[in-house]
Amino acid sequence: MAGNPEADPEQELTDRWVVEQMSSLTAMTASFVLATPTETDGALFPGRIMLANTCMWDYRGDECGYNGPAVADEFDNPTTDIRKDRCSKCMRGCEMRGMVANFGGFLSINKLSQ
């Protein structure tokens, strides 16, 4: 018998399906249209808007992670005034704060249209 001798026969992928509607019914059989649970619960994918050059995180929020001193205003002009401190929502804003890894945009998606 071919296959992986190290394979665990107890491991399997399981699928979950929801009966969406009955498509036919006879005296001997019934046929149904199935759907995955995400197709019927109103979920939208992706779960958030995907923008290449715009960060979606709230500045200084959990996802952003920045909690240091004032750095720049919303136009990336340097400032030390905490009242003027804003994020530009661009990669440059993250670079100025040393938080590039937390940038909430999708830089690679603008490559798809090229």
N, C-alpha and C. Protein backbone atom coordinates (compact mmCIF):
# COMPACT_ATOMS: atom_id res chain seq x y z
N MET A 1 0.85 -1.17 0.00
CA MET A 1 0.00 0.00 0.00
C MET A 1 0.90 1.24 0.00
N ALA A 2 0.65 2.17 -0.90
CA ALA A 2 1.44 3.39 -0.98
C ALA A 2 0.97 4.38 0.07
N GLY A 3 1.79 5.38 0.32
CA GLY A 3 1.42 6.41 1.28
C GLY A 3 2.53 6.66 2.28
N ASN A 4 2.24 7.45 3.24
CA ASN A 4 3.21 7.82 4.25
C ASN A 4 3.13 6.82 5.40
N PRO A 5 4.20 6.05 5.63
CA PRO A 5 4.16 5.06 6.72
C PRO A 5 4.07 5.71 8.10
N GLU A 6 4.41 6.99 8.20
CA GLU A 6 4.35 7.72 9.47
C GLU A 6 2.97 8.36 9.70
N ALA A 7 2.08 8.27 8.73
CA ALA A 7 0.78 8.94 8.82
C ALA A 7 -0.06 8.38 9.97
N ASP A 8 -0.76 9.25 10.64
CA ASP A 8 -1.65 8.87 11.74
C ASP A 8 -3.05 8.66 11.16
N PRO A 9 -3.55 7.43 11.14
CA PRO A 9 -4.87 7.17 10.56
C PRO A 9 -6.01 7.81 11.34
N GLU A 10 -5.74 8.26 12.55
CA GLU A 10 -6.78 8.91 13.36
C GLU A 10 -6.95 10.39 13.03
N GLN A 11 -6.00 10.96 12.30
CA GLN A 11 -6.08 12.38 11.94
C GLN A 11 -6.94 12.55 10.69
N GLU A 12 -7.80 13.52 10.72
CA GLU A 12 -8.65 13.77 9.56
C GLU A 12 -9.09 15.23 9.56
N LEU A 13 -9.42 15.73 8.39
CA LEU A 13 -10.01 17.05 8.26
C LEU A 13 -11.52 16.88 8.28
N THR A 14 -12.17 17.69 9.06
CA THR A 14 -13.63 17.61 9.10
C THR A 14 -14.22 18.86 8.47
N ASP A 15 -15.31 18.68 7.78
CA ASP A 15 -16.03 19.79 7.16
C ASP A 15 -17.36 19.96 7.88
N ARG A 16 -17.77 21.21 8.04
CA ARG A 16 -19.09 21.49 8.59
C ARG A 16 -19.94 22.08 7.49
N TRP A 17 -21.15 21.60 7.37
CA TRP A 17 -22.07 22.07 6.35
C TRP A 17 -23.41 22.40 6.99
N VAL A 18 -24.11 23.31 6.39
CA VAL A 18 -25.45 23.69 6.83
C VAL A 18 -26.39 23.43 5.66
N VAL A 19 -27.55 22.85 5.94
CA VAL A 19 -28.53 22.64 4.89
C VAL A 19 -29.15 24.00 4.57
N GLU A 20 -28.92 24.46 3.35
CA GLU A 20 -29.45 25.77 2.95
C GLU A 20 -30.88 25.66 2.44
N GLN A 21 -31.13 24.64 1.61
CA GLN A 21 -32.49 24.42 1.11
C GLN A 21 -32.60 23.02 0.52
N MET A 22 -33.82 22.54 0.43
CA MET A 22 -34.06 21.27 -0.24
C MET A 22 -34.22 21.59 -1.73
N SER A 23 -33.47 20.87 -2.57
CA SER A 23 -33.54 21.16 -4.01
C SER A 23 -34.47 20.21 -4.75
N SER A 24 -34.65 19.00 -4.23
CA SER A 24 -35.62 18.09 -4.87
C SER A 24 -36.07 17.04 -3.86
N LEU A 25 -37.27 16.52 -4.11
CA LEU A 25 -37.83 15.51 -3.22
C LEU A 25 -38.64 14.54 -4.06
N THR A 26 -38.28 13.27 -3.95
CA THR A 26 -39.05 12.21 -4.61
C THR A 26 -39.46 11.21 -3.54
N ALA A 27 -40.17 10.16 -3.96
CA ALA A 27 -40.58 9.13 -3.02
C ALA A 27 -39.37 8.37 -2.46
N MET A 28 -38.25 8.38 -3.21
CA MET A 28 -37.07 7.61 -2.80
C MET A 28 -35.92 8.47 -2.28
N THR A 29 -35.81 9.71 -2.74
CA THR A 29 -34.64 10.52 -2.37
C THR A 29 -35.02 11.96 -2.07
N ALA A 30 -34.14 12.58 -1.37
CA ALA A 30 -34.23 14.03 -1.13
C ALA A 30 -32.84 14.59 -1.40
N SER A 31 -32.79 15.70 -2.10
CA SER A 31 -31.51 16.37 -2.38
C SER A 31 -31.53 17.75 -1.73
N PHE A 32 -30.38 18.12 -1.20
CA PHE A 32 -30.27 19.39 -0.50
C PHE A 32 -29.12 20.22 -1.04
N VAL A 33 -29.26 21.51 -0.97
CA VAL A 33 -28.17 22.43 -1.27
C VAL A 33 -27.48 22.73 0.06
N LEU A 34 -26.17 22.48 0.10
CA LEU A 34 -25.41 22.70 1.32
C LEU A 34 -24.62 23.99 1.22
N ALA A 35 -24.30 24.56 2.37
CA ALA A 35 -23.48 25.77 2.43
C ALA A 35 -22.56 25.66 3.64
N THR A 36 -21.45 26.36 3.58
CA THR A 36 -20.59 26.41 4.75
C THR A 36 -21.22 27.38 5.75
N PRO A 37 -20.94 27.22 7.03
CA PRO A 37 -21.54 28.12 8.03
C PRO A 37 -21.27 29.60 7.76
N THR A 38 -20.11 29.93 7.22
CA THR A 38 -19.81 31.34 6.95
C THR A 38 -20.63 31.91 5.81
N GLU A 39 -21.18 31.05 4.96
CA GLU A 39 -22.03 31.53 3.87
C GLU A 39 -23.42 31.91 4.37
N THR A 40 -23.80 31.39 5.51
CA THR A 40 -25.16 31.61 5.99
C THR A 40 -25.25 32.52 7.21
N ASP A 41 -24.11 32.89 7.79
CA ASP A 41 -24.18 33.72 9.00
C ASP A 41 -24.00 35.21 8.72
N GLY A 42 -23.95 35.59 7.46
CA GLY A 42 -23.83 37.00 7.11
C GLY A 42 -22.42 37.55 7.22
N ALA A 43 -21.44 36.68 7.44
CA ALA A 43 -20.06 37.15 7.56
C ALA A 43 -19.55 37.63 6.21
N LEU A 44 -18.74 38.66 6.26
CA LEU A 44 -18.11 39.19 5.06
C LEU A 44 -16.61 38.99 5.15
N PHE A 45 -16.00 38.66 4.04
CA PHE A 45 -14.56 38.49 4.01
C PHE A 45 -13.97 39.44 3.01
N PRO A 46 -12.88 40.08 3.29
CA PRO A 46 -12.18 40.02 4.56
C PRO A 46 -12.97 40.72 5.65
N GLY A 47 -12.60 40.47 6.88
CA GLY A 47 -13.30 41.05 8.01
C GLY A 47 -13.08 42.54 8.17
N ARG A 48 -12.13 43.08 7.44
CA ARG A 48 -11.91 44.53 7.45
C ARG A 48 -11.49 44.97 6.06
N ILE A 49 -11.63 46.23 5.80
CA ILE A 49 -11.26 46.77 4.50
C ILE A 49 -9.75 46.67 4.33
N MET A 50 -9.32 46.22 3.17
CA MET A 50 -7.90 46.07 2.90
C MET A 50 -7.41 47.23 2.04
N LEU A 51 -6.62 48.10 2.64
CA LEU A 51 -6.04 49.24 1.94
C LEU A 51 -4.53 49.09 1.95
N ALA A 52 -3.90 49.37 0.82
CA ALA A 52 -2.46 49.16 0.71
C ALA A 52 -1.66 50.15 1.54
N ASN A 53 -1.98 51.41 1.47
CA ASN A 53 -1.13 52.44 2.06
C ASN A 53 -1.75 53.17 3.24
N THR A 54 -2.81 52.64 3.79
CA THR A 54 -3.48 53.29 4.91
C THR A 54 -3.64 52.32 6.07
N CYS A 55 -3.19 52.74 7.23
CA CYS A 55 -3.30 51.92 8.43
C CYS A 55 -4.71 52.06 9.00
N MET A 56 -5.31 50.96 9.37
CA MET A 56 -6.67 50.97 9.89
C MET A 56 -6.72 51.02 11.42
N TRP A 57 -5.57 50.89 12.10
CA TRP A 57 -5.57 50.83 13.56
C TRP A 57 -5.84 52.20 14.17
N ASP A 58 -6.42 52.18 15.36
CA ASP A 58 -6.59 53.41 16.14
C ASP A 58 -5.23 53.77 16.73
N TYR A 59 -4.82 55.02 16.52
CA TYR A 59 -3.53 55.47 17.03
C TYR A 59 -3.47 55.31 18.54
N ARG A 60 -2.41 54.68 19.00
CA ARG A 60 -2.15 54.38 20.41
C ARG A 60 -3.09 53.30 20.97
N GLY A 61 -3.84 52.65 20.11
CA GLY A 61 -4.71 51.55 20.54
C GLY A 61 -3.92 50.26 20.67
N ASP A 62 -4.60 49.18 21.01
CA ASP A 62 -3.94 47.88 21.21
C ASP A 62 -3.21 47.39 19.97
N GLU A 63 -3.85 47.48 18.80
CA GLU A 63 -3.23 46.99 17.58
C GLU A 63 -2.05 47.85 17.16
N CYS A 64 -2.18 49.16 17.34
CA CYS A 64 -1.10 50.10 17.01
C CYS A 64 0.10 49.84 17.93
N GLY A 65 -0.15 49.81 19.19
CA GLY A 65 0.90 49.48 20.15
C GLY A 65 1.81 50.63 20.55
N TYR A 66 1.70 51.78 19.93
CA TYR A 66 2.59 52.90 20.28
C TYR A 66 2.07 53.61 21.51
N ASN A 67 2.96 53.80 22.50
CA ASN A 67 2.57 54.52 23.71
C ASN A 67 3.69 55.44 24.19
N GLY A 68 4.54 55.86 23.27
CA GLY A 68 5.67 56.73 23.61
C GLY A 68 5.30 58.21 23.56
N PRO A 69 6.33 59.05 23.53
CA PRO A 69 6.11 60.50 23.52
C PRO A 69 5.56 60.99 22.18
N ALA A 70 5.16 62.25 22.15
CA ALA A 70 4.68 62.87 20.91
C ALA A 70 5.79 62.85 19.87
N VAL A 71 5.42 62.58 18.62
CA VAL A 71 6.40 62.46 17.54
C VAL A 71 6.06 63.38 16.38
N ALA A 72 4.83 63.31 15.89
CA ALA A 72 4.47 64.05 14.67
C ALA A 72 2.98 64.30 14.63
N ASP A 73 2.59 65.24 13.77
CA ASP A 73 1.16 65.51 13.55
C ASP A 73 0.64 64.61 12.44
N GLU A 74 -0.61 64.81 12.04
CA GLU A 74 -1.23 63.94 11.02
C GLU A 74 -0.61 64.08 9.64
N PHE A 75 0.26 65.06 9.46
CA PHE A 75 0.95 65.24 8.17
C PHE A 75 2.42 64.83 8.27
N ASP A 76 2.78 64.14 9.34
CA ASP A 76 4.15 63.68 9.63
C ASP A 76 5.13 64.82 9.86
N ASN A 77 4.62 65.97 10.27
CA ASN A 77 5.49 67.08 10.68
C ASN A 77 5.88 66.86 12.14
N PRO A 78 7.18 66.88 12.45
CA PRO A 78 7.62 66.62 13.83
C PRO A 78 6.99 67.58 14.83
N THR A 79 6.67 67.03 16.01
CA THR A 79 6.14 67.84 17.12
C THR A 79 6.49 67.17 18.43
N THR A 80 6.62 67.97 19.46
CA THR A 80 6.79 67.43 20.81
C THR A 80 5.56 67.73 21.67
N ASP A 81 4.58 68.37 21.07
CA ASP A 81 3.33 68.74 21.75
C ASP A 81 2.36 67.56 21.68
N ILE A 82 2.08 66.96 22.82
CA ILE A 82 1.19 65.79 22.86
C ILE A 82 -0.20 66.12 22.33
N ARG A 83 -0.62 67.38 22.42
CA ARG A 83 -1.94 67.77 21.91
C ARG A 83 -1.99 67.77 20.39
N LYS A 84 -0.84 67.89 19.75
CA LYS A 84 -0.77 67.88 18.28
C LYS A 84 -0.35 66.52 17.73
N ASP A 85 0.00 65.63 18.62
CA ASP A 85 0.49 64.30 18.20
C ASP A 85 -0.65 63.50 17.58
N ARG A 86 -0.51 63.16 16.32
CA ARG A 86 -1.49 62.36 15.58
C ARG A 86 -0.73 61.42 14.65
N CYS A 87 -1.40 60.40 14.22
CA CYS A 87 -0.78 59.49 13.25
C CYS A 87 -1.29 59.83 11.85
N SER A 88 -0.41 59.78 10.88
CA SER A 88 -0.79 60.04 9.49
C SER A 88 -1.49 58.85 8.85
N LYS A 89 -1.49 57.72 9.54
CA LYS A 89 -2.08 56.47 9.03
C LYS A 89 -1.32 55.93 7.82
N CYS A 90 -0.09 56.41 7.63
CA CYS A 90 0.77 55.95 6.54
C CYS A 90 1.98 55.23 7.13
N MET A 91 2.69 54.49 6.29
CA MET A 91 3.88 53.79 6.73
C MET A 91 4.89 54.77 7.36
N ARG A 92 4.98 55.97 6.81
CA ARG A 92 5.92 56.97 7.34
C ARG A 92 5.62 57.26 8.81
N GLY A 93 4.37 57.32 9.19
CA GLY A 93 4.02 57.53 10.59
C GLY A 93 4.55 56.43 11.49
N CYS A 94 4.46 55.20 11.03
CA CYS A 94 5.00 54.07 11.80
C CYS A 94 6.52 54.11 11.84
N GLU A 95 7.14 54.47 10.72
CA GLU A 95 8.60 54.58 10.69
C GLU A 95 9.10 55.60 11.70
N MET A 96 8.43 56.74 11.77
CA MET A 96 8.85 57.80 12.69
C MET A 96 8.74 57.37 14.15
N ARG A 97 7.88 56.41 14.43
CA ARG A 97 7.66 55.94 15.80
C ARG A 97 8.33 54.60 16.07
N GLY A 98 9.03 54.06 15.08
CA GLY A 98 9.68 52.76 15.25
C GLY A 98 8.71 51.61 15.37
N MET A 99 7.55 51.72 14.72
CA MET A 99 6.50 50.72 14.85
C MET A 99 6.10 50.10 13.51
N VAL A 100 7.05 49.97 12.59
CA VAL A 100 6.76 49.47 11.25
C VAL A 100 6.09 48.09 11.29
N ALA A 101 6.50 47.25 12.21
CA ALA A 101 5.93 45.89 12.28
C ALA A 101 4.44 45.92 12.62
N ASN A 102 3.96 46.99 13.21
CA ASN A 102 2.54 47.09 13.59
C ASN A 102 1.69 47.81 12.55
N PHE A 103 2.27 48.20 11.42
CA PHE A 103 1.51 48.93 10.40
C PHE A 103 0.28 48.12 10.01
N GLY A 104 -0.89 48.75 10.06
CA GLY A 104 -2.15 48.05 9.82
C GLY A 104 -2.66 48.10 8.40
N GLY A 105 -1.80 48.38 7.44
CA GLY A 105 -2.19 48.36 6.02
C GLY A 105 -1.72 47.06 5.38
N PHE A 106 -2.04 46.88 4.13
CA PHE A 106 -1.68 45.68 3.39
C PHE A 106 -0.81 46.09 2.21
N LEU A 107 0.47 46.30 2.47
CA LEU A 107 1.38 46.83 1.46
C LEU A 107 1.42 46.01 0.18
N SER A 108 1.25 44.72 0.27
CA SER A 108 1.38 43.87 -0.91
C SER A 108 0.17 43.92 -1.84
N ILE A 109 -0.98 44.40 -1.40
CA ILE A 109 -2.14 44.33 -2.29
C ILE A 109 -2.06 45.29 -3.46
N ASN A 110 -1.29 46.38 -3.35
CA ASN A 110 -1.19 47.26 -4.51
C ASN A 110 -0.35 46.64 -5.61
N LYS A 111 0.35 45.56 -5.33
CA LYS A 111 1.10 44.82 -6.35
C LYS A 111 0.16 44.02 -7.26
N LEU A 112 -1.04 43.69 -6.77
CA LEU A 112 -1.96 42.86 -7.53
C LEU A 112 -2.47 43.54 -8.79
N SER A 113 -2.58 44.85 -8.77
CA SER A 113 -3.14 45.55 -9.92
C SER A 113 -2.08 45.93 -10.96
N GLN A 114 -0.84 45.62 -10.69
CA GLN A 114 0.23 46.01 -11.62
C GLN A 114 0.52 44.93 -12.63
